[in-house]
């Protein structure tokens, strides 16, 4: 399994889901690593993926570009007066793809978060060329965000492998209990996983 994970928004649980996938694949004997090409703010997402891969890849290869400003990459690079090294990102990705059986790449924020002027997370995903899975926070608003993101992924000519529903809260309401059924009807892509709040593992059967 090789995937590019994007989200319907920031803080929807991409790193949590990515680390679960890496751990699940490794537990089944697959040489899988996770990449977080760009971190903005802290580096917690990258350290989570580094730990999930059990040291199979260096932290600086998991995360080749780290901006300390907690903002979109384009904004953070302007504030820090520092160009984002796309060549380094490309090299790290190609090295991981060549050295490991399976790679899970996690974007930053949502699909159209800008990295440079006229270069977005979507463009990075196109360069990676992997099927795209969309992490959806299961809450009110998820339907619009998920359907827009599916359409945007397809507009770039990429395969949308499906949606991963993540429950960011233990609380349930009418939206969280009905979102899955509506997305199954309207999204045109499968629900790959439905991850409960606090879930510690993912079963990969049939995926």
C-alpha atoms as a PDB file:
ATOM      1  CA  UNK A   1       0.000   0.000   0.000  1.00  0.00           C
ATOM      2  CA  UNK A   2       1.328   3.386  -1.058  1.00  0.00           C
ATOM      3  CA  UNK A   3      -0.815   6.433  -0.301  1.00  0.00           C
ATOM      4  CA  UNK A   4      -0.738  10.197  -0.198  1.00  0.00           C
ATOM      5  CA  UNK A   5      -2.881  11.311   2.740  1.00  0.00           C
ATOM      6  CA  UNK A   6      -4.594  14.648   2.558  1.00  0.00           C
ATOM      7  CA  UNK A   7      -7.221  16.077   4.871  1.00  0.00           C
ATOM      8  CA  UNK A   8     -10.462  17.971   4.587  1.00  0.00           C
ATOM      9  CA  UNK A   9      -8.857  20.561   6.874  1.00  0.00           C
ATOM     10  CA  UNK A  10      -6.013  20.910   9.326  1.00  0.00           C
ATOM     11  CA  UNK A  11      -6.169  18.945  12.599  1.00  0.00           C
ATOM     12  CA  UNK A  12      -8.422  16.223  11.215  1.00  0.00           C
ATOM     13  CA  UNK A  13      -6.076  13.449  12.367  1.00  0.00           C
ATOM     14  CA  UNK A  14      -3.851  12.836   9.337  1.00  0.00           C
ATOM     15  CA  UNK A  15      -0.752  12.021  11.390  1.00  0.00           C
ATOM     16  CA  UNK A  16      -2.705   9.783  13.741  1.00  0.00           C
ATOM     17  CA  UNK A  17      -4.172   7.874  10.789  1.00  0.00           C
ATOM     18  CA  UNK A  18      -0.834   7.763   8.947  1.00  0.00           C
ATOM     19  CA  UNK A  19       0.928   6.313  11.988  1.00  0.00           C
ATOM     20  CA  UNK A  20      -1.821   3.693  12.429  1.00  0.00           C
ATOM     21  CA  UNK A  21      -1.412   2.669   8.779  1.00  0.00           C
ATOM     22  CA  UNK A  22       2.379   2.452   9.035  1.00  0.00           C
ATOM     23  CA  UNK A  23       2.154   0.339  12.191  1.00  0.00           C
ATOM     24  CA  UNK A  24      -0.514  -1.929  10.693  1.00  0.00           C
ATOM     25  CA  UNK A  25       1.476  -2.558   7.520  1.00  0.00           C
ATOM     26  CA  UNK A  26       4.672  -3.208   9.453  1.00  0.00           C
ATOM     27  CA  UNK A  27       2.837  -5.614  11.774  1.00  0.00           C
ATOM     28  CA  UNK A  28       1.880  -7.624   8.678  1.00  0.00           C
ATOM     29  CA  UNK A  29       5.503  -7.823   7.605  1.00  0.00           C
ATOM     30  CA  UNK A  30       5.574  -4.985   5.095  1.00  0.00           C
ATOM     31  CA  UNK A  31       8.525  -2.599   5.005  1.00  0.00           C
ATOM     32  CA  UNK A  32       6.486   0.581   5.392  1.00  0.00           C
ATOM     33  CA  UNK A  33       7.580   4.094   6.355  1.00  0.00           C
ATOM     34  CA  UNK A  34       5.729   7.377   6.730  1.00  0.00           C
ATOM     35  CA  UNK A  35       6.790  10.733   5.337  1.00  0.00           C
ATOM     36  CA  UNK A  36       5.755  14.225   6.404  1.00  0.00           C
ATOM     37  CA  UNK A  37       7.599  16.336   3.815  1.00  0.00           C
ATOM     38  CA  UNK A  38       6.728  19.670   5.453  1.00  0.00           C
ATOM     39  CA  UNK A  39       6.134  20.430   9.141  1.00  0.00           C
ATOM     40  CA  UNK A  40       5.044  23.880  10.294  1.00  0.00           C
ATOM     41  CA  UNK A  41       5.213  24.707  13.987  1.00  0.00           C
ATOM     42  CA  UNK A  42       6.283  21.742  16.080  1.00  0.00           C
ATOM     43  CA  UNK A  43       7.587  18.493  14.640  1.00  0.00           C
ATOM     44  CA  UNK A  44       5.202  16.173  16.490  1.00  0.00           C
ATOM     45  CA  UNK A  45       3.658  14.766  13.304  1.00  0.00           C
ATOM     46  CA  UNK A  46       7.057  13.705  12.003  1.00  0.00           C
ATOM     47  CA  UNK A  47       8.180  12.178  15.296  1.00  0.00           C
ATOM     48  CA  UNK A  48       4.938  10.179  15.418  1.00  0.00           C
ATOM     49  CA  UNK A  49       5.640   8.731  11.957  1.00  0.00           C
ATOM     50  CA  UNK A  50       9.298   8.153  12.818  1.00  0.00           C
ATOM     51  CA  UNK A  51       8.282   6.134  15.874  1.00  0.00           C
ATOM     52  CA  UNK A  52       5.682   4.168  13.888  1.00  0.00           C
ATOM     53  CA  UNK A  53       8.394   3.036  11.452  1.00  0.00           C
ATOM     54  CA  UNK A  54      10.575   1.838  14.353  1.00  0.00           C
ATOM     55  CA  UNK A  55      13.618   3.755  13.187  1.00  0.00           C
ATOM     56  CA  UNK A  56      13.558   2.313   9.658  1.00  0.00           C
ATOM     57  CA  UNK A  57      14.044   5.850   8.345  1.00  0.00           C
ATOM     58  CA  UNK A  58      15.833   8.883   9.773  1.00  0.00           C
ATOM     59  CA  UNK A  59      13.734  11.707  11.198  1.00  0.00           C
ATOM     60  CA  UNK A  60      15.196  14.189   8.709  1.00  0.00           C
ATOM     61  CA  UNK A  61      14.116  11.892   5.878  1.00  0.00           C
ATOM     62  CA  UNK A  62      10.633  11.569   7.362  1.00  0.00           C
ATOM     63  CA  UNK A  63      10.517  15.370   7.504  1.00  0.00           C
ATOM     64  CA  UNK A  64      13.055  17.112   5.245  1.00  0.00           C
ATOM     65  CA  UNK A  65      11.544  20.615   5.596  1.00  0.00           C
ATOM     66  CA  UNK A  66      10.684  21.986   9.045  1.00  0.00           C
ATOM     67  CA  UNK A  67       9.375  25.536   9.436  1.00  0.00           C
ATOM     68  CA  UNK A  68       8.920  26.704  13.025  1.00  0.00           C
ATOM     69  CA  UNK A  69       5.993  29.023  12.331  1.00  0.00           C
ATOM     70  CA  UNK A  70       2.580  27.387  12.912  1.00  0.00           C
ATOM     71  CA  UNK A  71       0.999  28.526   9.648  1.00  0.00           C
ATOM     72  CA  UNK A  72       0.611  27.356   6.063  1.00  0.00           C
ATOM     73  CA  UNK A  73       4.008  26.525   4.488  1.00  0.00           C
ATOM     74  CA  UNK A  74       3.843  29.515   2.139  1.00  0.00           C
ATOM     75  CA  UNK A  75       3.055  31.875   5.034  1.00  0.00           C
ATOM     76  CA  UNK A  76       5.680  30.328   7.310  1.00  0.00           C
ATOM     77  CA  UNK A  77       8.358  30.614   4.619  1.00  0.00           C
ATOM     78  CA  UNK A  78       7.581  34.323   4.162  1.00  0.00           C
ATOM     79  CA  UNK A  79       7.675  34.989   7.916  1.00  0.00           C
ATOM     80  CA  UNK A  80      10.968  33.130   8.277  1.00  0.00           C
ATOM     81  CA  UNK A  81      12.370  34.585   5.035  1.00  0.00           C
ATOM     82  CA  UNK A  82      13.309  31.077   3.984  1.00  0.00           C
ATOM     83  CA  UNK A  83      12.656  29.318   0.689  1.00  0.00           C
ATOM     84  CA  UNK A  84      11.087  25.866   0.864  1.00  0.00           C
ATOM     85  CA  UNK A  85      13.535  23.336  -0.548  1.00  0.00           C
ATOM     86  CA  UNK A  86      11.359  21.398  -2.991  1.00  0.00           C
ATOM     87  CA  UNK A  87      14.402  19.613  -4.414  1.00  0.00           C
ATOM     88  CA  UNK A  88      15.183  18.193  -0.965  1.00  0.00           C
ATOM     89  CA  UNK A  89      11.561  17.028  -0.595  1.00  0.00           C
ATOM     90  CA  UNK A  90      11.721  15.305  -3.976  1.00  0.00           C
ATOM     91  CA  UNK A  91      15.019  13.615  -3.124  1.00  0.00           C
ATOM     92  CA  UNK A  92      13.733  12.358   0.227  1.00  0.00           C
ATOM     93  CA  UNK A  93      10.582  10.963  -1.388  1.00  0.00           C
ATOM     94  CA  UNK A  94      12.465   9.205  -4.189  1.00  0.00           C
ATOM     95  CA  UNK A  95      14.953   7.749  -1.708  1.00  0.00           C
ATOM     96  CA  UNK A  96      12.151   6.381   0.479  1.00  0.00           C
ATOM     97  CA  UNK A  97      10.282   4.929  -2.512  1.00  0.00           C
ATOM     98  CA  UNK A  98      13.436   3.186  -3.716  1.00  0.00           C
ATOM     99  CA  UNK A  99      14.417   1.816  -0.305  1.00  0.00           C
ATOM    100  CA  UNK A 100      11.062   0.730   1.119  1.00  0.00           C
ATOM    101  CA  UNK A 101       8.191  -1.446  -0.057  1.00  0.00           C
ATOM    102  CA  UNK A 102       5.461   0.899   1.124  1.00  0.00           C
ATOM    103  CA  UNK A 103       5.316   4.655   1.720  1.00  0.00           C
ATOM    104  CA  UNK A 104       2.565   6.690   3.365  1.00  0.00           C
ATOM    105  CA  UNK A 105       3.021  10.395   2.585  1.00  0.00           C
ATOM    106  CA  UNK A 106       1.165  12.936   4.700  1.00  0.00           C
ATOM    107  CA  UNK A 107       0.418  16.382   3.356  1.00  0.00           C
ATOM    108  CA  UNK A 108       0.170  19.587   5.388  1.00  0.00           C
ATOM    109  CA  UNK A 109      -3.343  20.781   6.159  1.00  0.00           C
ATOM    110  CA  UNK A 110      -5.800  20.398   3.305  1.00  0.00           C
ATOM    111  CA  UNK A 111      -5.556  19.839  -0.443  1.00  0.00           C
ATOM    112  CA  UNK A 112      -5.050  23.453  -1.565  1.00  0.00           C
ATOM    113  CA  UNK A 113      -2.740  24.669   1.180  1.00  0.00           C
ATOM    114  CA  UNK A 114      -0.073  26.765  -0.592  1.00  0.00           C
ATOM    115  CA  UNK A 115       3.585  25.762  -0.388  1.00  0.00           C
ATOM    116  CA  UNK A 116       4.915  28.382  -2.785  1.00  0.00           C
ATOM    117  CA  UNK A 117       3.210  30.860  -5.077  1.00  0.00           C
ATOM    118  CA  UNK A 118       1.363  28.699  -7.629  1.00  0.00           C
ATOM    119  CA  UNK A 119       2.470  25.453  -5.924  1.00  0.00           C
ATOM    120  CA  UNK A 120       0.107  23.696  -3.528  1.00  0.00           C
ATOM    121  CA  UNK A 121      -0.103  20.476  -1.534  1.00  0.00           C
ATOM    122  CA  UNK A 122      -2.087  19.222  -4.538  1.00  0.00           C
ATOM    123  CA  UNK A 123       0.946  19.805  -6.776  1.00  0.00           C
ATOM    124  CA  UNK A 124       3.160  17.863  -4.379  1.00  0.00           C
ATOM    125  CA  UNK A 125       0.664  14.990  -4.504  1.00  0.00           C
ATOM    126  CA  UNK A 126       0.743  15.052  -8.306  1.00  0.00           C
ATOM    127  CA  UNK A 127       4.540  14.820  -8.226  1.00  0.00           C
ATOM    128  CA  UNK A 128       4.414  11.888  -5.815  1.00  0.00           C
ATOM    129  CA  UNK A 129       1.949  10.150  -8.125  1.00  0.00           C
ATOM    130  CA  UNK A 130       0.404   7.992  -5.391  1.00  0.00           C
ATOM    131  CA  UNK A 131      -3.280   7.202  -4.908  1.00  0.00           C
ATOM    132  CA  UNK A 132      -4.808   9.805  -2.593  1.00  0.00           C
ATOM    133  CA  UNK A 133      -6.774   8.961   0.547  1.00  0.00           C
ATOM    134  CA  UNK A 134      -8.722  11.743   2.248  1.00  0.00           C
ATOM    135  CA  UNK A 135      -8.881  11.883   6.041  1.00  0.00           C
ATOM    136  CA  UNK A 136     -12.271  13.242   7.054  1.00  0.00           C
ATOM    137  CA  UNK A 137     -13.018  14.425  10.591  1.00  0.00           C
ATOM    138  CA  UNK A 138     -16.448  12.950  11.298  1.00  0.00           C
ATOM    139  CA  UNK A 139     -18.346  16.010  12.487  1.00  0.00           C
ATOM    140  CA  UNK A 140     -20.813  18.592  11.259  1.00  0.00           C
ATOM    141  CA  UNK A 141     -19.478  20.029   7.992  1.00  0.00           C
ATOM    142  CA  UNK A 142     -17.745  16.821   6.929  1.00  0.00           C
ATOM    143  CA  UNK A 143     -19.992  16.208   3.934  1.00  0.00           C
ATOM    144  CA  UNK A 144     -19.197  19.465   2.154  1.00  0.00           C
ATOM    145  CA  UNK A 145     -15.485  19.274   2.957  1.00  0.00           C
ATOM    146  CA  UNK A 146     -15.194  15.631   1.879  1.00  0.00           C
ATOM    147  CA  UNK A 147     -17.121  16.009  -1.385  1.00  0.00           C
ATOM    148  CA  UNK A 148     -15.197  19.148  -2.346  1.00  0.00           C
ATOM    149  CA  UNK A 149     -11.882  17.402  -1.681  1.00  0.00           C
ATOM    150  CA  UNK A 150     -12.825  14.294  -3.688  1.00  0.00           C
ATOM    151  CA  UNK A 151     -13.732  16.544  -6.620  1.00  0.00           C
ATOM    152  CA  UNK A 152     -10.498  18.515  -6.274  1.00  0.00           C
ATOM    153  CA  UNK A 153      -8.340  15.357  -6.190  1.00  0.00           C
ATOM    154  CA  UNK A 154     -10.022  14.024  -9.313  1.00  0.00           C
ATOM    155  CA  UNK A 155      -9.634  17.391 -11.043  1.00  0.00           C
ATOM    156  CA  UNK A 156      -5.863  16.926 -10.741  1.00  0.00           C
ATOM    157  CA  UNK A 157      -6.106  13.608 -12.560  1.00  0.00           C
ATOM    158  CA  UNK A 158      -5.171  11.552  -9.526  1.00  0.00           C
ATOM    159  CA  UNK A 159      -6.802   8.388  -8.247  1.00  0.00           C
ATOM    160  CA  UNK A 160      -8.877   9.047  -5.130  1.00  0.00           C
ATOM    161  CA  UNK A 161      -8.476   5.744  -3.292  1.00  0.00           C
ATOM    162  CA  UNK A 162     -11.196   6.604  -0.791  1.00  0.00           C
ATOM    163  CA  UNK A 163     -12.084   8.296   2.455  1.00  0.00           C
ATOM    164  CA  UNK A 164     -10.886   7.568   5.973  1.00  0.00           C
ATOM    165  CA  UNK A 165     -13.406   8.677   8.584  1.00  0.00           C
ATOM    166  CA  UNK A 166     -11.792   9.760  11.828  1.00  0.00           C
ATOM    167  CA  UNK A 167     -13.801  10.472  14.969  1.00  0.00           C
ATOM    168  CA  UNK A 168     -11.971  13.332  16.742  1.00  0.00           C
ATOM    169  CA  UNK A 169     -14.359  13.269  19.701  1.00  0.00           C
ATOM    170  CA  UNK A 170     -16.143  10.543  21.682  1.00  0.00           C
ATOM    171  CA  UNK A 171     -19.347  12.598  21.474  1.00  0.00           C
ATOM    172  CA  UNK A 172     -21.932  11.684  18.861  1.00  0.00           C
ATOM    173  CA  UNK A 173     -24.713  13.686  17.274  1.00  0.00           C
ATOM    174  CA  UNK A 174     -26.977  13.357  14.256  1.00  0.00           C
ATOM    175  CA  UNK A 175     -24.183  14.426  11.886  1.00  0.00           C
ATOM    176  CA  UNK A 176     -21.582  11.954  13.151  1.00  0.00           C
ATOM    177  CA  UNK A 177     -24.032   9.052  13.066  1.00  0.00           C
ATOM    178  CA  UNK A 178     -25.263   9.773   9.525  1.00  0.00           C
ATOM    179  CA  UNK A 179     -22.175  11.119   7.718  1.00  0.00           C
ATOM    180  CA  UNK A 180     -20.868   7.710   6.712  1.00  0.00           C
ATOM    181  CA  UNK A 181     -24.089   6.648   5.015  1.00  0.00           C
ATOM    182  CA  UNK A 182     -24.401   9.913   3.119  1.00  0.00           C
ATOM    183  CA  UNK A 183     -20.765   9.806   1.992  1.00  0.00           C
ATOM    184  CA  UNK A 184     -21.181   6.216   0.806  1.00  0.00           C
ATOM    185  CA  UNK A 185     -24.104   7.413  -1.296  1.00  0.00           C
ATOM    186  CA  UNK A 186     -22.618  10.620  -2.711  1.00  0.00           C
ATOM    187  CA  UNK A 187     -18.797  10.507  -2.662  1.00  0.00           C
ATOM    188  CA  UNK A 188     -18.316   7.931  -5.395  1.00  0.00           C
ATOM    189  CA  UNK A 189     -15.312   6.481  -3.562  1.00  0.00           C
ATOM    190  CA  UNK A 190     -15.159   3.859  -0.800  1.00  0.00           C
ATOM    191  CA  UNK A 191     -14.854   4.424   2.927  1.00  0.00           C
ATOM    192  CA  UNK A 192     -11.495   2.731   3.466  1.00  0.00           C
ATOM    193  CA  UNK A 193     -11.553   2.887   7.265  1.00  0.00           C
ATOM    194  CA  UNK A 194     -13.856   4.224   9.958  1.00  0.00           C
ATOM    195  CA  UNK A 195     -11.620   4.986  12.930  1.00  0.00           C
ATOM    196  CA  UNK A 196     -13.252   5.365  16.339  1.00  0.00           C
ATOM    197  CA  UNK A 197     -12.126   7.943  18.876  1.00  0.00           C
ATOM    198  CA  UNK A 198      -8.955   6.683  20.575  1.00  0.00           C
ATOM    199  CA  UNK A 199      -8.685   3.593  18.381  1.00  0.00           C
ATOM    200  CA  UNK A 200      -5.227   2.073  18.673  1.00  0.00           C
ATOM    201  CA  UNK A 201      -4.991   0.014  15.520  1.00  0.00           C
ATOM    202  CA  UNK A 202      -6.326  -0.505  12.000  1.00  0.00           C
ATOM    203  CA  UNK A 203      -7.213  -3.842  10.402  1.00  0.00           C
ATOM    204  CA  UNK A 204      -6.052  -3.925   6.802  1.00  0.00           C
ATOM    205  CA  UNK A 205      -8.228  -6.802   5.599  1.00  0.00           C
ATOM    206  CA  UNK A 206      -9.633  -6.191   2.128  1.00  0.00           C
ATOM    207  CA  UNK A 207      -7.796  -2.890   1.674  1.00  0.00           C
END
